[in-house]
Amino acid sequence: MRNIPYGQQGSRHGTLIHRIAVAFLALSPAVLASPVMSQEPAGAASLEDYQIRGLQAAMQTKGALGGELMKAMEAGGPENAVAFCNTRALPITRDMSDRLAMDVSRVSDQPRNPANAANDEELSVIAAFKETLASGRQPAPMVREHDDAVIGYYPIVTNAMCLKCHGTEGTDISAATKAVIDSKYPDDQATGYGEMELRGLFVVKMPGMQVAEPATGGESN
């Protein structure tokens, strides 16, 4: 298994990818909402190519979810947003996976929906990203090559709006919102967050794709 974090490819291309990834963390759902682009590779591709494809898939899925979440929030506040997530978040994510021909998911070490619980490998990525955030730096998304897939991991970092449903009860979360959370998610673990904390990951699995070996044997002009 090969593992490449963004920004460590040693190229101008890699630096650009890292800048885009950092910008991705700060974009609003309205900005992220965009037409679905084809993610079909043409033959063998480098891990940098998959970094870009995975980032595009994560951005577009975030845009699809975030755009509808904002509509729910505007229509009925945080209580309506919780109800939206309960019934629509997973179907929208599955729909984006089908449209992008990739397996896109959201996972967390503190899931609200048990279906979003991170596996052991994802937990290790989350721990590394949390350590980076604790040091005052933005976590850089990474990709890992497996035998049957290339998997990208993209951090989900909280902002002020997230805290209305994921912050502290009585301070950020109203009693009405907490009542809806308890009703819809009796095993909820997804509260107690502050701003700029790691909520979880977008995970993008790109199966059955051939990864080109890095070029060796000298420098190119």
Protein backbone atom coordinates (compact mmCIF):
# COMPACT_ATOMS: atom_id res chain seq x y z
CA MET A 1 0.00 0.00 0.00
CA ARG A 2 1.38 3.37 -1.04
CA ASN A 3 0.39 6.46 0.88
CA ILE A 4 0.80 10.06 -0.33
CA PRO A 5 -0.40 13.10 1.62
CA TYR A 6 -1.13 16.22 -0.40
CA GLY A 7 1.70 18.67 -0.69
CA GLN A 8 4.44 16.05 -0.36
CA GLN A 9 4.73 15.05 -4.02
CA GLY A 10 7.75 17.27 -4.55
CA SER A 11 6.30 19.07 -7.56
CA ARG A 12 4.62 22.33 -8.47
CA HIS A 13 1.58 20.23 -9.37
CA GLY A 14 1.51 18.78 -5.86
CA THR A 15 1.72 22.23 -4.29
CA LEU A 16 -1.24 23.39 -6.36
CA ILE A 17 -3.29 20.36 -5.26
CA HIS A 18 -2.52 21.14 -1.64
CA ARG A 19 -3.67 24.75 -2.05
CA ILE A 20 -6.91 23.58 -3.65
CA ALA A 21 -7.46 21.09 -0.83
CA VAL A 22 -6.98 23.74 1.84
CA ALA A 23 -9.38 26.05 0.00
CA PHE A 24 -11.90 23.18 -0.14
CA LEU A 25 -12.09 23.21 3.66
CA ALA A 26 -13.27 26.84 3.67
CA LEU A 27 -15.74 26.81 0.77
CA SER A 28 -19.42 27.31 1.46
CA PRO A 29 -22.01 24.77 0.21
CA ALA A 30 -23.33 27.31 -2.32
CA VAL A 31 -19.88 27.67 -3.87
CA LEU A 32 -19.32 23.92 -3.93
CA ALA A 33 -22.61 23.12 -5.65
CA SER A 34 -21.74 22.53 -9.30
CA PRO A 35 -22.56 20.19 -12.21
CA VAL A 36 -21.22 16.66 -11.87
CA MET A 37 -18.03 16.14 -13.85
CA SER A 38 -17.00 12.81 -15.34
CA GLN A 39 -14.40 11.03 -13.23
CA GLU A 40 -13.61 8.29 -15.76
CA PRO A 41 -9.81 7.80 -16.09
CA ALA A 42 -8.12 7.23 -19.43
CA GLY A 43 -5.82 4.25 -18.85
CA ALA A 44 -3.16 4.18 -16.16
CA ALA A 45 -2.95 7.27 -13.97
CA SER A 46 -0.62 8.57 -11.30
CA LEU A 47 -1.58 8.97 -7.66
CA GLU A 48 -1.60 12.72 -8.28
CA ASP A 49 -4.33 12.16 -10.88
CA TYR A 50 -6.36 10.24 -8.33
CA GLN A 51 -5.79 12.96 -5.75
CA ILE A 52 -7.45 15.40 -8.13
CA ARG A 53 -10.31 13.04 -9.03
CA GLY A 54 -10.97 12.22 -5.39
CA LEU A 55 -10.90 15.89 -4.42
CA GLN A 56 -13.39 16.73 -7.17
CA ALA A 57 -15.71 13.95 -5.99
CA ALA A 58 -15.51 15.06 -2.36
CA MET A 59 -16.13 18.70 -3.30
CA GLN A 60 -19.14 17.88 -5.44
CA THR A 61 -20.65 15.56 -2.85
CA LYS A 62 -20.12 18.19 -0.17
CA GLY A 63 -21.80 20.71 -2.45
CA ALA A 64 -24.81 18.46 -3.07
CA LEU A 65 -25.27 17.76 0.64
CA GLY A 66 -24.49 21.29 1.79
CA GLY A 67 -26.81 22.98 -0.68
CA GLU A 68 -29.79 20.88 0.43
CA LEU A 69 -28.83 21.23 4.10
CA MET A 70 -28.81 25.02 3.79
CA LYS A 71 -32.31 24.90 2.28
CA ALA A 72 -33.51 22.76 5.20
CA MET A 73 -31.87 25.11 7.70
CA GLU A 74 -33.46 28.17 6.09
CA ALA A 75 -36.87 26.49 5.95
CA GLY A 76 -37.02 25.30 9.56
CA GLY A 77 -33.83 25.96 11.50
CA PRO A 78 -31.51 23.37 13.05
CA GLU A 79 -34.40 21.05 13.97
CA ASN A 80 -35.34 20.76 10.31
CA ALA A 81 -31.67 20.30 9.38
CA VAL A 82 -31.40 17.32 11.75
CA ALA A 83 -34.54 15.79 10.23
CA PHE A 84 -33.11 16.36 6.72
CA CYS A 85 -29.86 14.62 7.59
CA ASN A 86 -31.76 11.71 9.09
CA THR A 87 -33.67 10.93 5.90
CA ARG A 88 -31.68 12.48 3.04
CA ALA A 89 -27.94 12.55 3.78
CA LEU A 90 -27.21 8.90 2.98
CA PRO A 91 -29.43 8.77 -0.16
CA ILE A 92 -27.81 11.94 -1.55
CA THR A 93 -24.34 10.52 -0.88
CA ARG A 94 -25.28 7.24 -2.58
CA ASP A 95 -26.71 9.14 -5.55
CA MET A 96 -23.47 11.10 -5.93
CA SER A 97 -21.49 7.85 -5.76
CA ASP A 98 -23.57 6.44 -8.62
CA ARG A 99 -23.28 9.62 -10.70
CA LEU A 100 -19.52 9.88 -10.16
CA ALA A 101 -18.88 6.11 -10.56
CA MET A 102 -16.99 6.16 -7.25
CA ASP A 103 -17.79 5.06 -3.72
CA VAL A 104 -18.13 8.32 -1.75
CA SER A 105 -18.93 8.24 1.97
CA ARG A 106 -18.68 10.32 5.13
CA VAL A 107 -17.28 8.74 8.29
CA SER A 108 -16.51 9.84 11.83
CA ASP A 109 -15.03 8.57 15.09
CA GLN A 110 -18.06 10.20 16.78
CA PRO A 111 -20.91 9.24 14.43
CA ARG A 112 -24.45 10.53 14.68
CA ASN A 113 -25.71 7.79 12.38
CA PRO A 114 -24.08 4.40 13.15
CA ALA A 115 -23.85 3.85 9.38
CA ASN A 116 -21.18 6.59 9.31
CA ALA A 117 -18.87 4.96 11.87
CA ALA A 118 -15.23 4.94 10.75
CA ASN A 119 -13.38 1.64 10.29
CA ASP A 120 -9.91 0.97 11.72
CA GLU A 121 -8.00 2.46 8.81
CA GLU A 122 -10.22 5.54 8.73
CA LEU A 123 -9.77 5.94 12.48
CA SER A 124 -6.00 6.01 11.97
CA VAL A 125 -6.38 8.79 9.38
CA ILE A 126 -8.70 10.72 11.70
CA ALA A 127 -6.15 10.45 14.53
CA ALA A 128 -3.40 11.79 12.26
CA PHE A 129 -5.57 14.69 11.07
CA LYS A 130 -6.52 15.57 14.66
CA GLU A 131 -2.88 15.67 15.63
CA THR A 132 -2.18 18.06 12.77
CA LEU A 133 -5.08 20.33 13.77
CA ALA A 134 -3.90 20.31 17.40
CA SER A 135 -0.53 21.62 16.24
CA GLY A 136 -2.23 24.61 14.59
CA ARG A 137 -1.93 23.37 11.01
CA GLN A 138 -4.58 22.37 8.46
CA PRO A 139 -4.67 18.61 7.84
CA ALA A 140 -3.65 17.76 4.29
CA PRO A 141 -5.90 15.20 2.54
CA MET A 142 -4.20 11.96 1.57
CA VAL A 143 -4.60 9.07 -0.84
CA ARG A 144 -3.67 5.46 -0.28
CA GLU A 145 -3.21 2.81 -2.94
CA HIS A 146 -4.66 -0.61 -2.12
CA ASP A 147 -4.62 -3.78 -4.21
CA ASP A 148 -8.11 -3.19 -5.59
CA ALA A 149 -8.62 0.57 -5.23
CA VAL A 150 -7.18 4.01 -4.64
CA ILE A 151 -8.79 5.65 -1.61
CA GLY A 152 -8.77 9.37 -0.84
CA TYR A 153 -9.34 10.82 2.64
CA TYR A 154 -10.56 14.43 2.94
CA PRO A 155 -10.98 16.17 6.33
CA ILE A 156 -14.31 17.63 7.43
CA VAL A 157 -13.56 20.53 9.78
CA THR A 158 -16.27 22.23 11.84
CA ASN A 159 -17.34 25.85 11.47
CA ALA A 160 -19.81 28.00 13.41
CA MET A 161 -22.86 26.67 11.52
CA CYS A 162 -21.93 23.05 12.36
CA LEU A 163 -22.16 23.82 16.07
CA LYS A 164 -25.92 24.44 15.89
CA CYS A 165 -26.29 20.66 15.65
CA HIS A 166 -22.85 19.41 16.77
CA GLY A 167 -21.74 21.86 19.47
CA THR A 168 -22.50 21.99 23.19
CA GLU A 169 -26.03 21.49 24.50
CA GLY A 170 -27.40 24.64 26.11
CA THR A 171 -24.75 26.84 24.52
CA ASP A 172 -24.79 26.01 20.82
CA ILE A 173 -27.59 23.44 20.64
CA SER A 174 -31.08 24.51 21.72
CA ALA A 175 -33.35 22.28 23.77
CA ALA A 176 -35.65 21.91 20.76
CA THR A 177 -32.79 20.79 18.52
CA LYS A 178 -31.49 18.36 21.15
CA ALA A 179 -34.95 16.84 21.44
CA VAL A 180 -35.00 16.14 17.69
CA ILE A 181 -31.48 14.69 17.82
CA ASP A 182 -32.46 12.37 20.68
CA SER A 183 -35.59 11.30 18.81
CA LYS A 184 -33.89 10.61 15.48
CA TYR A 185 -30.53 9.38 16.81
CA PRO A 186 -30.82 7.61 20.18
CA ASP A 187 -27.14 6.53 20.01
CA ASP A 188 -25.80 9.95 18.96
CA GLN A 189 -22.12 10.63 19.66
CA ALA A 190 -21.76 13.75 17.51
CA THR A 191 -21.98 16.66 19.97
CA GLY A 192 -19.46 18.60 22.03
CA TYR A 193 -17.50 20.01 19.11
CA GLY A 194 -15.98 23.47 18.87
CA GLU A 195 -14.97 25.42 15.76
CA MET A 196 -12.03 24.17 13.70
CA GLU A 197 -12.22 20.62 15.03
CA LEU A 198 -12.21 17.46 12.95
CA ARG A 199 -15.77 16.23 12.50
CA GLY A 200 -14.77 13.33 10.27
CA LEU A 201 -13.78 12.46 6.70
CA PHE A 202 -15.04 12.28 3.18
CA VAL A 203 -13.75 8.93 1.90
CA VAL A 204 -13.56 8.44 -1.87
CA LYS A 205 -12.88 4.92 -3.11
CA MET A 206 -11.86 4.63 -6.75
CA PRO A 207 -11.97 0.89 -7.49
CA GLY A 208 -10.46 -1.13 -10.28
CA MET A 209 -8.16 1.60 -11.54
CA GLN A 210 -4.59 1.05 -12.68
CA VAL A 211 -2.00 3.29 -11.06
CA ALA A 212 1.04 4.19 -13.13
CA GLU A 213 4.44 3.63 -11.53
CA PRO A 214 6.47 6.81 -10.85
CA ALA A 215 9.02 7.64 -13.54
CA THR A 216 12.66 6.81 -12.64
CA GLY A 217 16.06 7.08 -14.17
CA GLY A 218 16.75 10.78 -14.43
CA GLU A 219 15.34 14.24 -14.48
CA SER A 220 13.14 15.56 -17.25
CA ASN A 221 13.60 18.95 -18.85
